[in-house]
Amino acid sequence: MGAEGEEQEKQGNQNPKPNAITQAQFLSWKRQKDSDASARKAEAARKREEDIAAGTVQMNGRELFAHEPWVFDNTRY
């Protein structure tokens, strides 16, 4: 039993961090991930604008206020 414990310790010390990455690698990956997410978000926004212009989807309140603020004008009442 004591020999097994020593064996495991030796094996554990051989390669303590098998998937270690550098800070530069991480930052590069993070920039790539953020740029991909930003591109997907921009594409989704562009597609939604096209769909709203075509009348295929309904606008939410924020979009309606941005595109047609006269709908929310309460000075007439």
PDB file of N, CA and C in Angstrom:
ATOM      1  N   MET A   1       0.819  -1.189   0.000  1.00  0.00           N
ATOM      2  CA  MET A   1       0.000   0.000   0.000  1.00  0.00           C
ATOM      3  C   MET A   1       0.869   1.262   0.000  1.00  0.00           C
ATOM      4  N   GLY A   2       1.955   1.233   0.745  1.00  0.00           N
ATOM      5  CA  GLY A   2       2.848   2.377   0.770  1.00  0.00           C
ATOM      6  C   GLY A   2       3.552   2.580  -0.554  1.00  0.00           C
ATOM      7  N   ALA A   3       3.842   1.483  -1.250  1.00  0.00           N
ATOM      8  CA  ALA A   3       4.529   1.572  -2.538  1.00  0.00           C
ATOM      9  C   ALA A   3       3.628   2.194  -3.591  1.00  0.00           C
ATOM     10  N   GLU A   4       2.336   1.900  -3.520  1.00  0.00           N
ATOM     11  CA  GLU A   4       1.400   2.484  -4.498  1.00  0.00           C
ATOM     12  C   GLU A   4       1.320   3.995  -4.334  1.00  0.00           C
ATOM     13  N   GLY A   5       1.268   4.449  -3.116  1.00  0.00           N
ATOM     14  CA  GLY A   5       1.193   5.886  -2.853  1.00  0.00           C
ATOM     15  C   GLY A   5       2.407   6.616  -3.388  1.00  0.00           C
ATOM     16  N   GLU A   6       3.593   6.011  -3.203  1.00  0.00           N
ATOM     17  CA  GLU A   6       4.813   6.636  -3.715  1.00  0.00           C
ATOM     18  C   GLU A   6       4.828   6.632  -5.235  1.00  0.00           C
ATOM     19  N   GLU A   7       4.304   5.554  -5.829  1.00  0.00           N
ATOM     20  CA  GLU A   7       4.263   5.458  -7.295  1.00  0.00           C
ATOM     21  C   GLU A   7       3.359   6.536  -7.894  1.00  0.00           C
ATOM     22  N   GLN A   8       2.206   6.736  -7.268  1.00  0.00           N
ATOM     23  CA  GLN A   8       1.268   7.740  -7.767  1.00  0.00           C
ATOM     24  C   GLN A   8       1.857   9.138  -7.634  1.00  0.00           C
ATOM     25  N   GLU A   9       2.577   9.384  -6.557  1.00  0.00           N
ATOM     26  CA  GLU A   9       3.195  10.690  -6.389  1.00  0.00           C
ATOM     27  C   GLU A   9       4.232  10.944  -7.480  1.00  0.00           C
ATOM     28  N   LYS A  10       5.012   9.923  -7.802  1.00  0.00           N
ATOM     29  CA  LYS A  10       6.020  10.065  -8.853  1.00  0.00           C
ATOM     30  C   LYS A  10       5.368  10.333 -10.198  1.00  0.00           C
ATOM     31  N   GLN A  11       4.272   9.624 -10.484  1.00  0.00           N
ATOM     32  CA  GLN A  11       3.576   9.829 -11.758  1.00  0.00           C
ATOM     33  C   GLN A  11       2.926  11.207 -11.792  1.00  0.00           C
ATOM     34  N   GLY A  12       2.404  11.648 -10.665  1.00  0.00           N
ATOM     35  CA  GLY A  12       1.767  12.953 -10.603  1.00  0.00           C
ATOM     36  C   GLY A  12       2.750  14.082 -10.805  1.00  0.00           C
ATOM     37  N   ASN A  13       3.991  13.907 -10.385  1.00  0.00           N
ATOM     38  CA  ASN A  13       4.989  14.958 -10.514  1.00  0.00           C
ATOM     39  C   ASN A  13       5.601  15.032 -11.901  1.00  0.00           C
ATOM     40  N   GLN A  14       5.434  14.016 -12.707  1.00  0.00           N
ATOM     41  CA  GLN A  14       6.030  14.006 -14.040  1.00  0.00           C
ATOM     42  C   GLN A  14       5.420  15.069 -14.937  1.00  0.00           C
ATOM     43  N   ASN A  15       4.115  15.216 -14.888  1.00  0.00           N
ATOM     44  CA  ASN A  15       3.432  16.149 -15.779  1.00  0.00           C
ATOM     45  C   ASN A  15       2.287  16.812 -15.006  1.00  0.00           C
ATOM     46  N   PRO A  16       2.583  17.796 -14.160  1.00  0.00           N
ATOM     47  CA  PRO A  16       1.543  18.368 -13.312  1.00  0.00           C
ATOM     48  C   PRO A  16       0.491  19.165 -14.091  1.00  0.00           C
ATOM     49  N   LYS A  17       0.862  19.803 -15.181  1.00  0.00           N
ATOM     50  CA  LYS A  17      -0.086  20.609 -15.965  1.00  0.00           C
ATOM     51  C   LYS A  17       0.030  20.203 -17.431  1.00  0.00           C
ATOM     52  N   PRO A  18      -0.652  19.143 -17.838  1.00  0.00           N
ATOM     53  CA  PRO A  18      -0.476  18.665 -19.210  1.00  0.00           C
ATOM     54  C   PRO A  18      -1.045  19.622 -20.262  1.00  0.00           C
ATOM     55  N   ASN A  19      -2.025  20.428 -19.895  1.00  0.00           N
ATOM     56  CA  ASN A  19      -2.647  21.328 -20.864  1.00  0.00           C
ATOM     57  C   ASN A  19      -2.369  22.791 -20.535  1.00  0.00           C
ATOM     58  N   ALA A  20      -1.231  23.071 -19.964  1.00  0.00           N
ATOM     59  CA  ALA A  20      -0.890  24.436 -19.588  1.00  0.00           C
ATOM     60  C   ALA A  20      -0.729  25.295 -20.845  1.00  0.00           C
ATOM     61  N   ILE A  21      -1.282  26.494 -20.779  1.00  0.00           N
ATOM     62  CA  ILE A  21      -1.138  27.439 -21.886  1.00  0.00           C
ATOM     63  C   ILE A  21      -0.525  28.722 -21.343  1.00  0.00           C
ATOM     64  N   THR A  22       0.059  29.472 -22.212  1.00  0.00           N
ATOM     65  CA  THR A  22       0.660  30.733 -21.790  1.00  0.00           C
ATOM     66  C   THR A  22      -0.404  31.819 -21.774  1.00  0.00           C
ATOM     67  N   GLN A  23      -0.076  32.909 -21.145  1.00  0.00           N
ATOM     68  CA  GLN A  23      -1.009  34.027 -21.093  1.00  0.00           C
ATOM     69  C   GLN A  23      -1.260  34.583 -22.500  1.00  0.00           C
ATOM     70  N   ALA A  24      -0.230  34.601 -23.324  1.00  0.00           N
ATOM     71  CA  ALA A  24      -0.380  35.093 -24.700  1.00  0.00           C
ATOM     72  C   ALA A  24      -1.329  34.199 -25.494  1.00  0.00           C
ATOM     73  N   GLN A  25      -1.217  32.877 -25.299  1.00  0.00           N
ATOM     74  CA  GLN A  25      -2.125  31.958 -25.994  1.00  0.00           C
ATOM     75  C   GLN A  25      -3.551  32.191 -25.545  1.00  0.00           C
ATOM     76  N   PHE A  26      -3.745  32.364 -24.238  1.00  0.00           N
ATOM     77  CA  PHE A  26      -5.079  32.603 -23.718  1.00  0.00           C
ATOM     78  C   PHE A  26      -5.664  33.894 -24.271  1.00  0.00           C
ATOM     79  N   LEU A  27      -4.880  34.967 -24.255  1.00  0.00           N
ATOM     80  CA  LEU A  27      -5.374  36.254 -24.746  1.00  0.00           C
ATOM     81  C   LEU A  27      -5.694  36.196 -26.233  1.00  0.00           C
ATOM     82  N   SER A  28      -4.886  35.466 -26.983  1.00  0.00           N
ATOM     83  CA  SER A  28      -5.164  35.290 -28.409  1.00  0.00           C
ATOM     84  C   SER A  28      -6.479  34.551 -28.608  1.00  0.00           C
ATOM     85  N   TRP A  29      -6.680  33.476 -27.846  1.00  0.00           N
ATOM     86  CA  TRP A  29      -7.934  32.712 -27.931  1.00  0.00           C
ATOM     87  C   TRP A  29      -9.118  33.580 -27.535  1.00  0.00           C
ATOM     88  N   LYS A  30      -8.966  34.357 -26.475  1.00  0.00           N
ATOM     89  CA  LYS A  30     -10.050  35.210 -25.981  1.00  0.00           C
ATOM     90  C   LYS A  30     -10.410  36.281 -27.011  1.00  0.00           C
ATOM     91  N   ARG A  31      -9.400  36.902 -27.638  1.00  0.00           N
ATOM     92  CA  ARG A  31      -9.683  37.899 -28.676  1.00  0.00           C
ATOM     93  C   ARG A  31     -10.435  37.268 -29.841  1.00  0.00           C
ATOM     94  N   GLN A  32     -10.010  36.068 -30.245  1.00  0.00           N
ATOM     95  CA  GLN A  32     -10.678  35.365 -31.349  1.00  0.00           C
ATOM     96  C   GLN A  32     -12.112  35.033 -30.978  1.00  0.00           C
ATOM     97  N   LYS A  33     -12.320  34.548 -29.772  1.00  0.00           N
ATOM     98  CA  LYS A  33     -13.666  34.191 -29.319  1.00  0.00           C
ATOM     99  C   LYS A  33     -14.555  35.426 -29.264  1.00  0.00           C
ATOM    100  N   ASP A  34     -14.039  36.527 -28.727  1.00  0.00           N
ATOM    101  CA  ASP A  34     -14.805  37.762 -28.642  1.00  0.00           C
ATOM    102  C   ASP A  34     -15.137  38.319 -30.023  1.00  0.00           C
ATOM    103  N   SER A  35     -14.186  38.242 -30.952  1.00  0.00           N
ATOM    104  CA  SER A  35     -14.451  38.753 -32.298  1.00  0.00           C
ATOM    105  C   SER A  35     -15.481  37.883 -33.010  1.00  0.00           C
ATOM    106  N   ASP A  36     -15.434  36.569 -32.803  1.00  0.00           N
ATOM    107  CA  ASP A  36     -16.442  35.689 -33.394  1.00  0.00           C
ATOM    108  C   ASP A  36     -17.826  35.984 -32.832  1.00  0.00           C
ATOM    109  N   ALA A  37     -17.900  36.179 -31.517  1.00  0.00           N
ATOM    110  CA  ALA A  37     -19.183  36.482 -30.888  1.00  0.00           C
ATOM    111  C   ALA A  37     -19.714  37.830 -31.385  1.00  0.00           C
ATOM    112  N   SER A  38     -18.820  38.792 -31.522  1.00  0.00           N
ATOM    113  CA  SER A  38     -19.217  40.110 -32.010  1.00  0.00           C
ATOM    114  C   SER A  38     -19.731  40.027 -33.449  1.00  0.00           C
ATOM    115  N   ALA A  39     -19.070  39.241 -34.272  1.00  0.00           N
ATOM    116  CA  ALA A  39     -19.499  39.082 -35.665  1.00  0.00           C
ATOM    117  C   ALA A  39     -20.860  38.402 -35.737  1.00  0.00           C
ATOM    118  N   ARG A  40     -21.074  37.373 -34.911  1.00  0.00           N
ATOM    119  CA  ARG A  40     -22.377  36.691 -34.901  1.00  0.00           C
ATOM    120  C   ARG A  40     -23.479  37.637 -34.448  1.00  0.00           C
ATOM    121  N   LYS A  41     -23.183  38.455 -33.431  1.00  0.00           N
ATOM    122  CA  LYS A  41     -24.171  39.396 -32.911  1.00  0.00           C
ATOM    123  C   LYS A  41     -24.510  40.459 -33.964  1.00  0.00           C
ATOM    124  N   ALA A  42     -23.493  40.955 -34.654  1.00  0.00           N
ATOM    125  CA  ALA A  42     -23.720  41.966 -35.701  1.00  0.00           C
ATOM    126  C   ALA A  42     -24.536  41.373 -36.853  1.00  0.00           C
ATOM    127  N   GLU A  43     -24.249  40.136 -37.217  1.00  0.00           N
ATOM    128  CA  GLU A  43     -24.992  39.482 -38.294  1.00  0.00           C
ATOM    129  C   GLU A  43     -26.451  39.278 -37.892  1.00  0.00           C
ATOM    130  N   ALA A  44     -26.686  38.889 -36.645  1.00  0.00           N
ATOM    131  CA  ALA A  44     -28.059  38.693 -36.165  1.00  0.00           C
ATOM    132  C   ALA A  44     -28.813  40.023 -36.150  1.00  0.00           C
ATOM    133  N   ALA A  45     -28.141  41.099 -35.741  1.00  0.00           N
ATOM    134  CA  ALA A  45     -28.776  42.419 -35.723  1.00  0.00           C
ATOM    135  C   ALA A  45     -29.098  42.882 -37.141  1.00  0.00           C
ATOM    136  N   ARG A  46     -28.170  42.656 -38.063  1.00  0.00           N
ATOM    137  CA  ARG A  46     -28.411  43.042 -39.459  1.00  0.00           C
ATOM    138  C   ARG A  46     -29.592  42.267 -40.039  1.00  0.00           C
ATOM    139  N   LYS A  47     -29.638  40.972 -39.756  1.00  0.00           N
ATOM    140  CA  LYS A  47     -30.733  40.136 -40.254  1.00  0.00           C
ATOM    141  C   LYS A  47     -32.061  40.585 -39.661  1.00  0.00           C
ATOM    142  N   ARG A  48     -32.072  40.926 -38.370  1.00  0.00           N
ATOM    143  CA  ARG A  48     -33.308  41.385 -37.726  1.00  0.00           C
ATOM    144  C   ARG A  48     -33.774  42.701 -38.344  1.00  0.00           C
ATOM    145  N   GLU A  49     -32.833  43.612 -38.610  1.00  0.00           N
ATOM    146  CA  GLU A  49     -33.203  44.882 -39.252  1.00  0.00           C
ATOM    147  C   GLU A  49     -33.823  44.631 -40.624  1.00  0.00           C
ATOM    148  N   GLU A  50     -33.253  43.707 -41.387  1.00  0.00           N
ATOM    149  CA  GLU A  50     -33.818  43.379 -42.697  1.00  0.00           C
ATOM    150  C   GLU A  50     -35.219  42.792 -42.561  1.00  0.00           C
ATOM    151  N   ASP A  51     -35.397  41.909 -41.587  1.00  0.00           N
ATOM    152  CA  ASP A  51     -36.703  41.286 -41.379  1.00  0.00           C
ATOM    153  C   ASP A  51     -37.739  42.301 -40.930  1.00  0.00           C
ATOM    154  N   ILE A  52     -37.330  43.251 -40.094  1.00  0.00           N
ATOM    155  CA  ILE A  52     -38.260  44.296 -39.659  1.00  0.00           C
ATOM    156  C   ILE A  52     -38.647  45.167 -40.843  1.00  0.00           C
ATOM    157  N   ALA A  53     -37.666  45.529 -41.664  1.00  0.00           N
ATOM    158  CA  ALA A  53     -37.942  46.358 -42.838  1.00  0.00           C
ATOM    159  C   ALA A  53     -38.865  45.628 -43.808  1.00  0.00           C
ATOM    160  N   ALA A  54     -38.722  44.314 -43.905  1.00  0.00           N
ATOM    161  CA  ALA A  54     -39.563  43.539 -44.805  1.00  0.00           C
ATOM    162  C   ALA A  54     -40.933  43.253 -44.190  1.00  0.00           C
ATOM    163  N   GLY A  55     -41.057  43.456 -42.888  1.00  0.00           N
ATOM    164  CA  GLY A  55     -42.332  43.217 -42.220  1.00  0.00           C
ATOM    165  C   GLY A  55     -42.571  41.760 -41.856  1.00  0.00           C
ATOM    166  N   THR A  56     -41.531  40.966 -41.825  1.00  0.00           N
ATOM    167  CA  THR A  56     -41.712  39.550 -41.516  1.00  0.00           C
ATOM    168  C   THR A  56     -41.670  39.262 -40.020  1.00  0.00           C
ATOM    169  N   VAL A  57     -41.138  40.179 -39.218  1.00  0.00           N
ATOM    170  CA  VAL A  57     -41.133  39.998 -37.764  1.00  0.00           C
ATOM    171  C   VAL A  57     -41.701  41.251 -37.110  1.00  0.00           C
ATOM    172  N   GLN A  58     -42.227  41.064 -35.913  1.00  0.00           N
ATOM    173  CA  GLN A  58     -42.812  42.173 -35.181  1.00  0.00           C
ATOM    174  C   GLN A  58     -41.740  42.875 -34.362  1.00  0.00           C
ATOM    175  N   MET A  59     -41.811  44.209 -34.296  1.00  0.00           N
ATOM    176  CA  MET A  59     -40.846  44.972 -33.521  1.00  0.00           C
ATOM    177  C   MET A  59     -41.194  44.891 -32.042  1.00  0.00           C
ATOM    178  N   ASN A  60     -40.155  44.926 -31.192  1.00  0.00           N
ATOM    179  CA  ASN A  60     -40.418  45.044 -29.765  1.00  0.00           C
ATOM    180  C   ASN A  60     -40.549  46.534 -29.439  1.00  0.00           C
ATOM    181  N   GLY A  61     -40.840  46.860 -28.204  1.00  0.00           N
ATOM    182  CA  GLY A  61     -41.082  48.249 -27.821  1.00  0.00           C
ATOM    183  C   GLY A  61     -39.892  49.156 -28.051  1.00  0.00           C
ATOM    184  N   ARG A  62     -38.709  48.674 -27.745  1.00  0.00           N
ATOM    185  CA  ARG A  62     -37.512  49.495 -27.930  1.00  0.00           C
ATOM    186  C   ARG A  62     -37.292  49.801 -29.399  1.00  0.00           C
ATOM    187  N   GLU A  63     -37.459  48.792 -30.259  1.00  0.00           N
ATOM    188  CA  GLU A  63     -37.266  49.000 -31.691  1.00  0.00           C
ATOM    189  C   GLU A  63     -38.341  49.934 -32.258  1.00  0.00           C
ATOM    190  N   LEU A  64     -39.554  49.778 -31.789  1.00  0.00           N
ATOM    191  CA  LEU A  64     -40.631  50.654 -32.251  1.00  0.00           C
ATOM    192  C   LEU A  64     -40.348  52.095 -31.851  1.00  0.00           C
ATOM    193  N   PHE A  65     -39.896  52.298 -30.616  1.00  0.00           N
ATOM    194  CA  PHE A  65     -39.575  53.645 -30.155  1.00  0.00           C
ATOM    195  C   PHE A  65     -38.425  54.246 -30.955  1.00  0.00           C
ATOM    196  N   ALA A  66     -37.451  53.429 -31.319  1.00  0.00           N
ATOM    197  CA  ALA A  66     -36.306  53.927 -32.085  1.00  0.00           C
ATOM    198  C   ALA A  66     -36.709  54.267 -33.523  1.00  0.00           C
ATOM    199  N   HIS A  67     -37.601  53.479 -34.112  1.00  0.00           N
ATOM    200  CA  HIS A  67     -37.967  53.679 -35.516  1.00  0.00           C
ATOM    201  C   HIS A  67     -39.154  54.622 -35.711  1.00  0.00           C
ATOM    202  N   GLU A  68     -40.086  54.609 -34.781  1.00  0.00           N
ATOM    203  CA  GLU A  68     -41.282  55.446 -34.918  1.00  0.00           C
ATOM    204  C   GLU A  68     -41.622  56.116 -33.589  1.00  0.00           C
ATOM    205  N   PRO A  69     -40.836  57.111 -33.178  1.00  0.00           N
ATOM    206  CA  PRO A  69     -41.065  57.730 -31.861  1.00  0.00           C
ATOM    207  C   PRO A  69     -42.379  58.502 -31.788  1.00  0.00           C
ATOM    208  N   TRP A  70     -42.960  58.883 -32.906  1.00  0.00           N
ATOM    209  CA  TRP A  70     -44.216  59.626 -32.890  1.00  0.00           C
ATOM    210  C   TRP A  70     -45.345  58.782 -32.306  1.00  0.00           C
ATOM    211  N   VAL A  71     -45.214  57.464 -32.294  1.00  0.00           N
ATOM    212  CA  VAL A  71     -46.235  56.595 -31.725  1.00  0.00           C
ATOM    213  C   VAL A  71     -46.358  56.840 -30.219  1.00  0.00           C
ATOM    214  N   PHE A  72     -45.262  57.239 -29.585  1.00  0.00           N
ATOM    215  CA  PHE A  72     -45.238  57.421 -28.138  1.00  0.00           C
ATOM    216  C   PHE A  72     -45.392  58.883 -27.725  1.00  0.00           C
ATOM    217  N   ASP A  73     -45.783  59.758 -28.634  1.00  0.00           N
ATOM    218  CA  ASP A  73     -45.947  61.191 -28.342  1.00  0.00           C
ATOM    219  C   ASP A  73     -47.257  61.411 -27.596  1.00  0.00           C
ATOM    220  N   ASN A  74     -47.173  61.819 -26.341  1.00  0.00           N
ATOM    221  CA  ASN A  74     -48.379  62.023 -25.527  1.00  0.00           C
ATOM    222  C   ASN A  74     -48.809  63.486 -25.467  1.00  0.00           C
ATOM    223  N   THR A  75     -48.227  64.366 -26.267  1.00  0.00           N
ATOM    224  CA  THR A  75     -48.580  65.777 -26.213  1.00  0.00           C
ATOM    225  C   THR A  75     -49.954  66.017 -26.830  1.00  0.00           C
ATOM    226  N   ARG A  76     -50.457  65.092 -27.591  1.00  0.00           N
ATOM    227  CA  ARG A  76     -51.768  65.275 -28.221  1.00  0.00           C
ATOM    228  C   ARG A  76     -52.908  65.020 -27.245  1.00  0.00           C
ATOM    229  N   TYR A  77     -52.655  64.415 -26.120  1.00  0.00           N
ATOM    230  CA  TYR A  77     -53.741  64.053 -25.198  1.00  0.00           C
ATOM    231  C   TYR A  77     -53.887  65.063 -24.095  1.00  0.00           C
TER     232      TYR A  77
END
